[in-house]
Amino acid sequence: MSRIVAITGGASGIGRGTVDRLLDEGWTVIAIDRDEVGLEMLRTDRSANDDRLTTQVCDVSSAEGVAATFQSIGRRFGRLNGLICSAGVLRIGTLDTMSVDDFDQLFAVNVRGLWLCAREAMPLLKLAGADDLARIVFLASISGIRHKIESGAYAATKSAVIALTKVMAVECAPYKVLVNAVAPATVDTPMVRPHLNPGSNTRYRTSGASPLGRIAQPEDVAAVIAFLLSKDASYVNGTVIPVDAGTVAAYVPPT
């Protein structure tokens, strides 16, 4: 039987890119998302992998929904070798003008939802860690490392993800459950794409093109996640890996 991974936000963006990468590597994948249409498209696109792809509708900000989802996974599969927490939302605005609803939603999905999924998945991961690999990968962001104006609340959620990564990594090490995070720069995903269009007037300030001259694609991030799930990463724990082609390595002054 192939190893089993659950991926939140699996219907689009980095989550979808990771679903594709891990299916291609032979994993059994449980794609979790609140977007039923997106999950249906995923099932259609990956119909050749019906035997290794399961989809589950779930809003990660719902404690009851997350608990029910992972209970269902436990009944069906018995264990988990991997959890990828990719579900996230983006809300823009200066901190003195952002609405309470937008602020609360950012933390409900990006932080609370991520923690809920890790908490509910942990018993299944510990079972796998007893005699096989068990990994968690959180989606942070370079905005949690180098903050930007007009997306300060989003940056705060990603800083929180980095803190959770480091503490959970040490707490779970005795159970052989390794916890790491990736921190992408701007990625061409449905969440970010509207803000990339000239004249969109969303006020969101992307990280822009990297020193390599392009922004990331979901598969760029999925490749690093796949590494963290591999045997080659068996001594990597509590790390936050920027996937940004050097965007935060050094400042490039405007010419």
C-alpha atoms as a PDB file:
ATOM      1  CA  MET A   1       0.000   0.000   0.000  1.00  0.00           C
ATOM      2  CA  SER A   2       1.297   3.460  -0.865  1.00  0.00           C
ATOM      3  CA  ARG A   3       1.916   6.087   1.782  1.00  0.00           C
ATOM      4  CA  ILE A   4      -1.040   8.304   2.646  1.00  0.00           C
ATOM      5  CA  VAL A   5      -1.107  12.108   2.727  1.00  0.00           C
ATOM      6  CA  ALA A   6      -3.877  14.604   3.455  1.00  0.00           C
ATOM      7  CA  ILE A   7      -3.654  17.990   1.723  1.00  0.00           C
ATOM      8  CA  THR A   8      -5.836  20.917   2.747  1.00  0.00           C
ATOM      9  CA  GLY A   9      -6.588  23.491   0.079  1.00  0.00           C
ATOM     10  CA  GLY A  10      -6.125  20.642  -2.370  1.00  0.00           C
ATOM     11  CA  ALA A  11      -8.534  21.925  -5.019  1.00  0.00           C
ATOM     12  CA  SER A  12      -6.374  24.793  -6.298  1.00  0.00           C
ATOM     13  CA  GLY A  13      -3.091  26.651  -6.143  1.00  0.00           C
ATOM     14  CA  ILE A  14      -0.169  25.183  -4.232  1.00  0.00           C
ATOM     15  CA  GLY A  15      -2.423  22.534  -2.723  1.00  0.00           C
ATOM     16  CA  ARG A  16      -3.504  21.325  -6.151  1.00  0.00           C
ATOM     17  CA  GLY A  17       0.062  21.402  -7.403  1.00  0.00           C
ATOM     18  CA  THR A  18       1.080  19.240  -4.458  1.00  0.00           C
ATOM     19  CA  VAL A  19      -1.779  16.806  -5.073  1.00  0.00           C
ATOM     20  CA  ASP A  20      -0.556  16.354  -8.647  1.00  0.00           C
ATOM     21  CA  ARG A  21       3.089  15.958  -7.613  1.00  0.00           C
ATOM     22  CA  LEU A  22       2.396  13.360  -4.931  1.00  0.00           C
ATOM     23  CA  LEU A  23      -0.056  11.371  -7.044  1.00  0.00           C
ATOM     24  CA  ASP A  24       2.646  11.218  -9.712  1.00  0.00           C
ATOM     25  CA  GLU A  25       5.069   9.936  -7.055  1.00  0.00           C
ATOM     26  CA  GLY A  26       2.694   7.130  -6.075  1.00  0.00           C
ATOM     27  CA  TRP A  27       1.169   8.520  -2.869  1.00  0.00           C
ATOM     28  CA  THR A  28      -2.425   7.929  -1.843  1.00  0.00           C
ATOM     29  CA  VAL A  29      -3.813  11.458  -1.567  1.00  0.00           C
ATOM     30  CA  ILE A  30      -6.773  12.849   0.370  1.00  0.00           C
ATOM     31  CA  ALA A  31      -7.549  16.304  -1.044  1.00  0.00           C
ATOM     32  CA  ILE A  32      -9.457  18.471   1.431  1.00  0.00           C
ATOM     33  CA  ASP A  33     -11.131  21.723   0.423  1.00  0.00           C
ATOM     34  CA  ARG A  34     -14.336  23.674   0.946  1.00  0.00           C
ATOM     35  CA  ASP A  35     -14.617  24.180  -2.838  1.00  0.00           C
ATOM     36  CA  GLU A  36     -16.816  21.329  -4.041  1.00  0.00           C
ATOM     37  CA  VAL A  37     -16.574  22.412  -7.688  1.00  0.00           C
ATOM     38  CA  GLY A  38     -12.791  22.525  -7.499  1.00  0.00           C
ATOM     39  CA  LEU A  39     -12.680  19.053  -5.970  1.00  0.00           C
ATOM     40  CA  GLU A  40     -14.945  17.738  -8.717  1.00  0.00           C
ATOM     41  CA  MET A  41     -12.595  19.213 -11.333  1.00  0.00           C
ATOM     42  CA  LEU A  42      -9.682  17.551  -9.558  1.00  0.00           C
ATOM     43  CA  ARG A  43     -11.415  14.164  -9.660  1.00  0.00           C
ATOM     44  CA  THR A  44     -12.122  14.618 -13.358  1.00  0.00           C
ATOM     45  CA  ASP A  45      -8.581  15.691 -14.181  1.00  0.00           C
ATOM     46  CA  ARG A  46      -7.027  12.844 -12.182  1.00  0.00           C
ATOM     47  CA  SER A  47      -9.571  10.137 -13.006  1.00  0.00           C
ATOM     48  CA  ALA A  48      -6.713   7.803 -13.918  1.00  0.00           C
ATOM     49  CA  ASN A  49      -5.730   7.862 -10.228  1.00  0.00           C
ATOM     50  CA  ASP A  50      -9.179   7.069  -8.806  1.00  0.00           C
ATOM     51  CA  ASP A  51      -7.716   4.236  -6.760  1.00  0.00           C
ATOM     52  CA  ARG A  52      -5.331   6.620  -4.940  1.00  0.00           C
ATOM     53  CA  LEU A  53      -7.312   9.877  -4.806  1.00  0.00           C
ATOM     54  CA  THR A  54      -9.987  10.708  -2.250  1.00  0.00           C
ATOM     55  CA  THR A  55     -11.636  14.112  -1.921  1.00  0.00           C
ATOM     56  CA  GLN A  56     -13.265  15.532   1.180  1.00  0.00           C
ATOM     57  CA  VAL A  57     -15.284  18.748   1.509  1.00  0.00           C
ATOM     58  CA  CYS A  58     -14.307  20.593   4.680  1.00  0.00           C
ATOM     59  CA  ASP A  59     -14.019  24.159   5.947  1.00  0.00           C
ATOM     60  CA  VAL A  60     -10.827  24.089   8.004  1.00  0.00           C
ATOM     61  CA  SER A  61     -12.044  26.948  10.203  1.00  0.00           C
ATOM     62  CA  SER A  62     -14.778  24.651  11.575  1.00  0.00           C
ATOM     63  CA  ALA A  63     -13.564  22.608  14.546  1.00  0.00           C
ATOM     64  CA  GLU A  64     -16.454  20.182  14.139  1.00  0.00           C
ATOM     65  CA  GLY A  65     -15.867  19.812  10.406  1.00  0.00           C
ATOM     66  CA  VAL A  66     -12.138  19.195  10.821  1.00  0.00           C
ATOM     67  CA  ALA A  67     -12.707  16.637  13.570  1.00  0.00           C
ATOM     68  CA  ALA A  68     -15.267  14.770  11.464  1.00  0.00           C
ATOM     69  CA  THR A  69     -12.967  14.818   8.425  1.00  0.00           C
ATOM     70  CA  PHE A  70      -9.998  13.275  10.218  1.00  0.00           C
ATOM     71  CA  GLN A  71     -12.183  10.779  12.037  1.00  0.00           C
ATOM     72  CA  SER A  72     -13.395   9.653   8.612  1.00  0.00           C
ATOM     73  CA  ILE A  73      -9.808   9.425   7.364  1.00  0.00           C
ATOM     74  CA  GLY A  74      -8.890   7.366  10.411  1.00  0.00           C
ATOM     75  CA  ARG A  75     -11.732   4.918   9.872  1.00  0.00           C
ATOM     76  CA  ARG A  76     -10.839   4.423   6.235  1.00  0.00           C
ATOM     77  CA  PHE A  77      -7.031   4.488   6.276  1.00  0.00           C
ATOM     78  CA  GLY A  78      -6.016   3.928   9.882  1.00  0.00           C
ATOM     79  CA  ARG A  79      -2.967   6.204   9.703  1.00  0.00           C
ATOM     80  CA  LEU A  80      -1.408   9.160   7.901  1.00  0.00           C
ATOM     81  CA  ASN A  81       2.147   9.519   6.665  1.00  0.00           C
ATOM     82  CA  GLY A  82       1.771  13.155   5.729  1.00  0.00           C
ATOM     83  CA  LEU A  83      -0.273  16.290   6.302  1.00  0.00           C
ATOM     84  CA  ILE A  84       0.116  19.342   4.075  1.00  0.00           C
ATOM     85  CA  CYS A  85      -1.705  22.426   5.366  1.00  0.00           C
ATOM     86  CA  SER A  86      -2.100  24.590   2.271  1.00  0.00           C
ATOM     87  CA  ALA A  87      -5.574  26.068   2.826  1.00  0.00           C
ATOM     88  CA  GLY A  88      -5.398  29.828   3.197  1.00  0.00           C
ATOM     89  CA  VAL A  89      -7.094  33.133   2.498  1.00  0.00           C
ATOM     90  CA  LEU A  90      -5.764  36.573   1.619  1.00  0.00           C
ATOM     91  CA  ARG A  91      -7.295  39.826   2.810  1.00  0.00           C
ATOM     92  CA  ILE A  92      -5.747  43.211   2.053  1.00  0.00           C
ATOM     93  CA  GLY A  93      -5.840  46.485   3.886  1.00  0.00           C
ATOM     94  CA  THR A  94      -3.902  48.781   6.178  1.00  0.00           C
ATOM     95  CA  LEU A  95      -4.123  47.715   9.789  1.00  0.00           C
ATOM     96  CA  ASP A  96      -6.011  50.851  10.791  1.00  0.00           C
ATOM     97  CA  THR A  97      -8.717  50.338   8.140  1.00  0.00           C
ATOM     98  CA  MET A  98      -9.096  46.543   7.907  1.00  0.00           C
ATOM     99  CA  SER A  99     -12.492  45.261   8.992  1.00  0.00           C
ATOM    100  CA  VAL A 100     -12.852  43.001  12.005  1.00  0.00           C
ATOM    101  CA  ASP A 101     -14.433  40.329   9.796  1.00  0.00           C
ATOM    102  CA  ASP A 102     -11.455  40.277   7.409  1.00  0.00           C
ATOM    103  CA  PHE A 103      -8.972  40.174  10.289  1.00  0.00           C
ATOM    104  CA  ASP A 104     -10.836  37.363  12.003  1.00  0.00           C
ATOM    105  CA  GLN A 105     -11.171  35.325   8.814  1.00  0.00           C
ATOM    106  CA  LEU A 106      -7.448  35.508   8.152  1.00  0.00           C
ATOM    107  CA  PHE A 107      -6.643  34.048  11.539  1.00  0.00           C
ATOM    108  CA  ALA A 108      -9.555  31.587  11.474  1.00  0.00           C
ATOM    109  CA  VAL A 109      -8.305  29.921   8.285  1.00  0.00           C
ATOM    110  CA  ASN A 110      -4.559  30.579   8.134  1.00  0.00           C
ATOM    111  CA  VAL A 111      -3.758  29.886  11.787  1.00  0.00           C
ATOM    112  CA  ARG A 112      -6.656  28.293  13.648  1.00  0.00           C
ATOM    113  CA  GLY A 113      -7.583  26.054  10.713  1.00  0.00           C
ATOM    114  CA  LEU A 114      -4.003  24.925  10.255  1.00  0.00           C
ATOM    115  CA  TRP A 115      -3.678  24.122  13.976  1.00  0.00           C
ATOM    116  CA  LEU A 116      -7.027  22.290  14.043  1.00  0.00           C
ATOM    117  CA  CYS A 117      -5.958  20.058  11.152  1.00  0.00           C
ATOM    118  CA  ALA A 118      -2.593  19.283  12.735  1.00  0.00           C
ATOM    119  CA  ARG A 119      -4.197  18.516  16.072  1.00  0.00           C
ATOM    120  CA  GLU A 120      -6.807  16.185  14.614  1.00  0.00           C
ATOM    121  CA  ALA A 121      -4.317  14.478  12.293  1.00  0.00           C
ATOM    122  CA  MET A 122      -1.696  13.945  15.004  1.00  0.00           C
ATOM    123  CA  PRO A 123      -2.953  10.587  16.353  1.00  0.00           C
ATOM    124  CA  LEU A 124      -2.879   9.166  12.807  1.00  0.00           C
ATOM    125  CA  LEU A 125       0.590  10.608  12.186  1.00  0.00           C
ATOM    126  CA  LYS A 126       1.941   9.196  15.453  1.00  0.00           C
ATOM    127  CA  LEU A 127       0.736   5.753  14.436  1.00  0.00           C
ATOM    128  CA  ALA A 128       2.675   6.038  11.188  1.00  0.00           C
ATOM    129  CA  GLY A 129       5.734   7.466  12.933  1.00  0.00           C
ATOM    130  CA  ALA A 130       6.076   4.350  15.068  1.00  0.00           C
ATOM    131  CA  ASP A 131       7.383   2.321  12.112  1.00  0.00           C
ATOM    132  CA  ASP A 132       7.330   4.546   9.014  1.00  0.00           C
ATOM    133  CA  LEU A 133       7.793   8.182   8.020  1.00  0.00           C
ATOM    134  CA  ALA A 134       5.380  10.798   9.356  1.00  0.00           C
ATOM    135  CA  ARG A 135       5.601  14.410   8.191  1.00  0.00           C
ATOM    136  CA  ILE A 136       3.740  17.703   8.461  1.00  0.00           C
ATOM    137  CA  VAL A 137       4.396  20.601   6.096  1.00  0.00           C
ATOM    138  CA  PHE A 138       2.790  23.961   6.785  1.00  0.00           C
ATOM    139  CA  LEU A 139       2.428  26.717   4.191  1.00  0.00           C
ATOM    140  CA  ALA A 140       4.017  29.842   5.605  1.00  0.00           C
ATOM    141  CA  SER A 141       5.115  32.762   3.410  1.00  0.00           C
ATOM    142  CA  ILE A 142       8.045  35.086   3.079  1.00  0.00           C
ATOM    143  CA  SER A 143       5.581  37.736   4.245  1.00  0.00           C
ATOM    144  CA  GLY A 144       5.962  36.101   7.641  1.00  0.00           C
ATOM    145  CA  ILE A 145       9.710  36.748   7.417  1.00  0.00           C
ATOM    146  CA  ARG A 146       9.785  40.112   5.620  1.00  0.00           C
ATOM    147  CA  HIS A 147       6.545  41.956   6.271  1.00  0.00           C
ATOM    148  CA  LYS A 148       4.792  44.276   3.818  1.00  0.00           C
ATOM    149  CA  ILE A 149       2.510  47.221   4.261  1.00  0.00           C
ATOM    150  CA  GLU A 150      -1.178  46.800   3.401  1.00  0.00           C
ATOM    151  CA  SER A 151      -1.013  43.078   4.127  1.00  0.00           C
ATOM    152  CA  GLY A 152       0.125  43.245   7.737  1.00  0.00           C
ATOM    153  CA  ALA A 153      -2.614  41.013   9.108  1.00  0.00           C
ATOM    154  CA  TYR A 154      -1.836  38.338   6.513  1.00  0.00           C
ATOM    155  CA  ALA A 155       1.859  38.612   7.425  1.00  0.00           C
ATOM    156  CA  ALA A 156       0.946  38.201  11.097  1.00  0.00           C
ATOM    157  CA  THR A 157      -0.850  34.935  10.323  1.00  0.00           C
ATOM    158  CA  LYS A 158       2.203  33.605   8.510  1.00  0.00           C
ATOM    159  CA  SER A 159       4.480  34.644  11.369  1.00  0.00           C
ATOM    160  CA  ALA A 160       2.169  32.629  13.609  1.00  0.00           C
ATOM    161  CA  VAL A 161       2.499  29.642  11.273  1.00  0.00           C
ATOM    162  CA  ILE A 162       6.286  29.859  11.580  1.00  0.00           C
ATOM    163  CA  ALA A 163       6.042  29.852  15.389  1.00  0.00           C
ATOM    164  CA  LEU A 164       3.676  26.867  15.360  1.00  0.00           C
ATOM    165  CA  THR A 165       6.029  25.011  13.022  1.00  0.00           C
ATOM    166  CA  LYS A 166       9.028  25.376  15.289  1.00  0.00           C
ATOM    167  CA  VAL A 167       7.286  24.542  18.549  1.00  0.00           C
ATOM    168  CA  MET A 168       5.287  21.620  17.152  1.00  0.00           C
ATOM    169  CA  ALA A 169       8.443  20.199  15.553  1.00  0.00           C
ATOM    170  CA  VAL A 170      10.130  19.889  18.931  1.00  0.00           C
ATOM    171  CA  GLU A 171       7.009  18.697  20.742  1.00  0.00           C
ATOM    172  CA  CYS A 172       6.382  15.958  18.182  1.00  0.00           C
ATOM    173  CA  ALA A 173       9.965  14.803  17.654  1.00  0.00           C
ATOM    174  CA  PRO A 174       9.698  12.031  20.294  1.00  0.00           C
ATOM    175  CA  TYR A 175       6.920  10.496  18.180  1.00  0.00           C
ATOM    176  CA  LYS A 176       9.047  10.670  14.998  1.00  0.00           C
ATOM    177  CA  VAL A 177       6.613  13.168  13.443  1.00  0.00           C
ATOM    178  CA  LEU A 178       8.688  15.799  11.642  1.00  0.00           C
ATOM    179  CA  VAL A 179       7.203  19.275  11.195  1.00  0.00           C
ATOM    180  CA  ASN A 180       8.504  21.833   8.692  1.00  0.00           C
ATOM    181  CA  ALA A 181       7.218  24.755   6.667  1.00  0.00           C
ATOM    182  CA  VAL A 182       7.777  26.263   3.259  1.00  0.00           C
ATOM    183  CA  ALA A 183       7.691  30.020   2.784  1.00  0.00           C
ATOM    184  CA  PRO A 184       6.951  30.943  -0.832  1.00  0.00           C
ATOM    185  CA  ALA A 185       7.189  34.401  -2.333  1.00  0.00           C
ATOM    186  CA  THR A 186       4.580  35.431  -4.917  1.00  0.00           C
ATOM    187  CA  VAL A 187       3.078  32.328  -6.537  1.00  0.00           C
ATOM    188  CA  ASP A 188       0.791  32.290  -9.570  1.00  0.00           C
ATOM    189  CA  THR A 189      -2.321  30.889  -7.877  1.00  0.00           C
ATOM    190  CA  PRO A 190      -6.045  31.705  -8.085  1.00  0.00           C
ATOM    191  CA  MET A 191      -5.776  33.477  -4.709  1.00  0.00           C
ATOM    192  CA  VAL A 192      -3.045  35.840  -5.915  1.00  0.00           C
ATOM    193  CA  ARG A 193      -3.722  36.040  -9.656  1.00  0.00           C
ATOM    194  CA  PRO A 194      -6.377  38.825  -9.465  1.00  0.00           C
ATOM    195  CA  HIS A 195      -3.797  41.052  -7.802  1.00  0.00           C
ATOM    196  CA  LEU A 196      -1.258  40.491 -10.579  1.00  0.00           C
ATOM    197  CA  ASN A 197      -3.379  42.079 -13.297  1.00  0.00           C
ATOM    198  CA  PRO A 198      -2.396  45.622 -14.290  1.00  0.00           C
ATOM    199  CA  GLY A 199      -5.051  48.113 -13.222  1.00  0.00           C
ATOM    200  CA  SER A 200      -6.705  45.698 -10.811  1.00  0.00           C
ATOM    201  CA  ASN A 201      -6.455  48.387  -8.107  1.00  0.00           C
ATOM    202  CA  THR A 202      -6.554  45.847  -5.291  1.00  0.00           C
ATOM    203  CA  ARG A 203      -3.752  47.677  -3.437  1.00  0.00           C
ATOM    204  CA  TYR A 204      -2.047  44.333  -2.830  1.00  0.00           C
ATOM    205  CA  ARG A 205       1.691  44.671  -3.299  1.00  0.00           C
ATOM    206  CA  THR A 206       3.198  41.430  -4.509  1.00  0.00           C
ATOM    207  CA  SER A 207       6.792  40.445  -3.887  1.00  0.00           C
ATOM    208  CA  GLY A 208       7.244  40.885  -7.638  1.00  0.00           C
ATOM    209  CA  ALA A 209       9.499  38.933  -9.933  1.00  0.00           C
ATOM    210  CA  SER A 210      12.282  37.084  -8.130  1.00  0.00           C
ATOM    211  CA  PRO A 211      16.005  37.511  -8.870  1.00  0.00           C
ATOM    212  CA  LEU A 212      15.454  34.701 -11.382  1.00  0.00           C
ATOM    213  CA  GLY A 213      13.123  37.016 -13.292  1.00  0.00           C
ATOM    214  CA  ARG A 214       9.823  35.249 -12.733  1.00  0.00           C
ATOM    215  CA  ILE A 215       7.301  34.497 -10.006  1.00  0.00           C
ATOM    216  CA  ALA A 216       6.838  30.963  -8.736  1.00  0.00           C
ATOM    217  CA  GLN A 217       4.474  28.360 -10.109  1.00  0.00           C
ATOM    218  CA  PRO A 218       2.688  25.918  -7.765  1.00  0.00           C
ATOM    219  CA  GLU A 219       4.934  23.083  -8.938  1.00  0.00           C
ATOM    220  CA  ASP A 220       7.997  24.996  -7.697  1.00  0.00           C
ATOM    221  CA  VAL A 221       6.635  24.862  -4.167  1.00  0.00           C
ATOM    222  CA  ALA A 222       5.255  21.331  -4.539  1.00  0.00           C
ATOM    223  CA  ALA A 223       8.756  20.086  -5.369  1.00  0.00           C
ATOM    224  CA  VAL A 224      10.120  21.327  -2.043  1.00  0.00           C
ATOM    225  CA  ILE A 225       7.146  19.871  -0.179  1.00  0.00           C
ATOM    226  CA  ALA A 226       7.790  16.527  -1.875  1.00  0.00           C
ATOM    227  CA  PHE A 227      11.388  16.663  -0.651  1.00  0.00           C
ATOM    228  CA  LEU A 228      10.240  17.284   2.931  1.00  0.00           C
ATOM    229  CA  LEU A 229       8.041  14.184   2.649  1.00  0.00           C
ATOM    230  CA  SER A 230      10.897  12.052   1.359  1.00  0.00           C
ATOM    231  CA  LYS A 231      13.384   9.806   3.160  1.00  0.00           C
ATOM    232  CA  ASP A 232      16.088  12.297   2.191  1.00  0.00           C
ATOM    233  CA  ALA A 233      14.547  14.777   4.676  1.00  0.00           C
ATOM    234  CA  SER A 234      14.607  12.361   7.622  1.00  0.00           C
ATOM    235  CA  TYR A 235      16.836  14.711   9.670  1.00  0.00           C
ATOM    236  CA  VAL A 236      15.087  17.958   8.712  1.00  0.00           C
ATOM    237  CA  ASN A 237      12.812  19.206  11.479  1.00  0.00           C
ATOM    238  CA  GLY A 238      11.580  22.613  12.619  1.00  0.00           C
ATOM    239  CA  THR A 239      12.796  24.389   9.496  1.00  0.00           C
ATOM    240  CA  VAL A 240      11.168  27.123   7.434  1.00  0.00           C
ATOM    241  CA  ILE A 241      12.403  26.948   3.853  1.00  0.00           C
ATOM    242  CA  PRO A 242      11.972  30.062   1.687  1.00  0.00           C
ATOM    243  CA  VAL A 243      10.893  29.080  -1.824  1.00  0.00           C
ATOM    244  CA  ASP A 244      11.498  32.472  -3.372  1.00  0.00           C
ATOM    245  CA  ALA A 245      14.534  32.244  -5.697  1.00  0.00           C
ATOM    246  CA  GLY A 246      16.417  34.637  -3.433  1.00  0.00           C
ATOM    247  CA  THR A 247      13.721  37.312  -3.097  1.00  0.00           C
ATOM    248  CA  VAL A 248      14.449  37.914   0.611  1.00  0.00           C
ATOM    249  CA  ALA A 249      18.163  37.135   0.401  1.00  0.00           C
ATOM    250  CA  ALA A 250      19.157  40.681  -0.547  1.00  0.00           C
ATOM    251  CA  TYR A 251      17.415  43.918  -1.466  1.00  0.00           C
ATOM    252  CA  VAL A 252      17.612  44.995  -5.104  1.00  0.00           C
ATOM    253  CA  PRO A 253      17.354  48.810  -5.260  1.00  0.00           C
ATOM    254  CA  PRO A 254      15.283  50.222  -8.115  1.00  0.00           C
ATOM    255  CA  THR A 255      17.324  51.372 -11.106  1.00  0.00           C
END
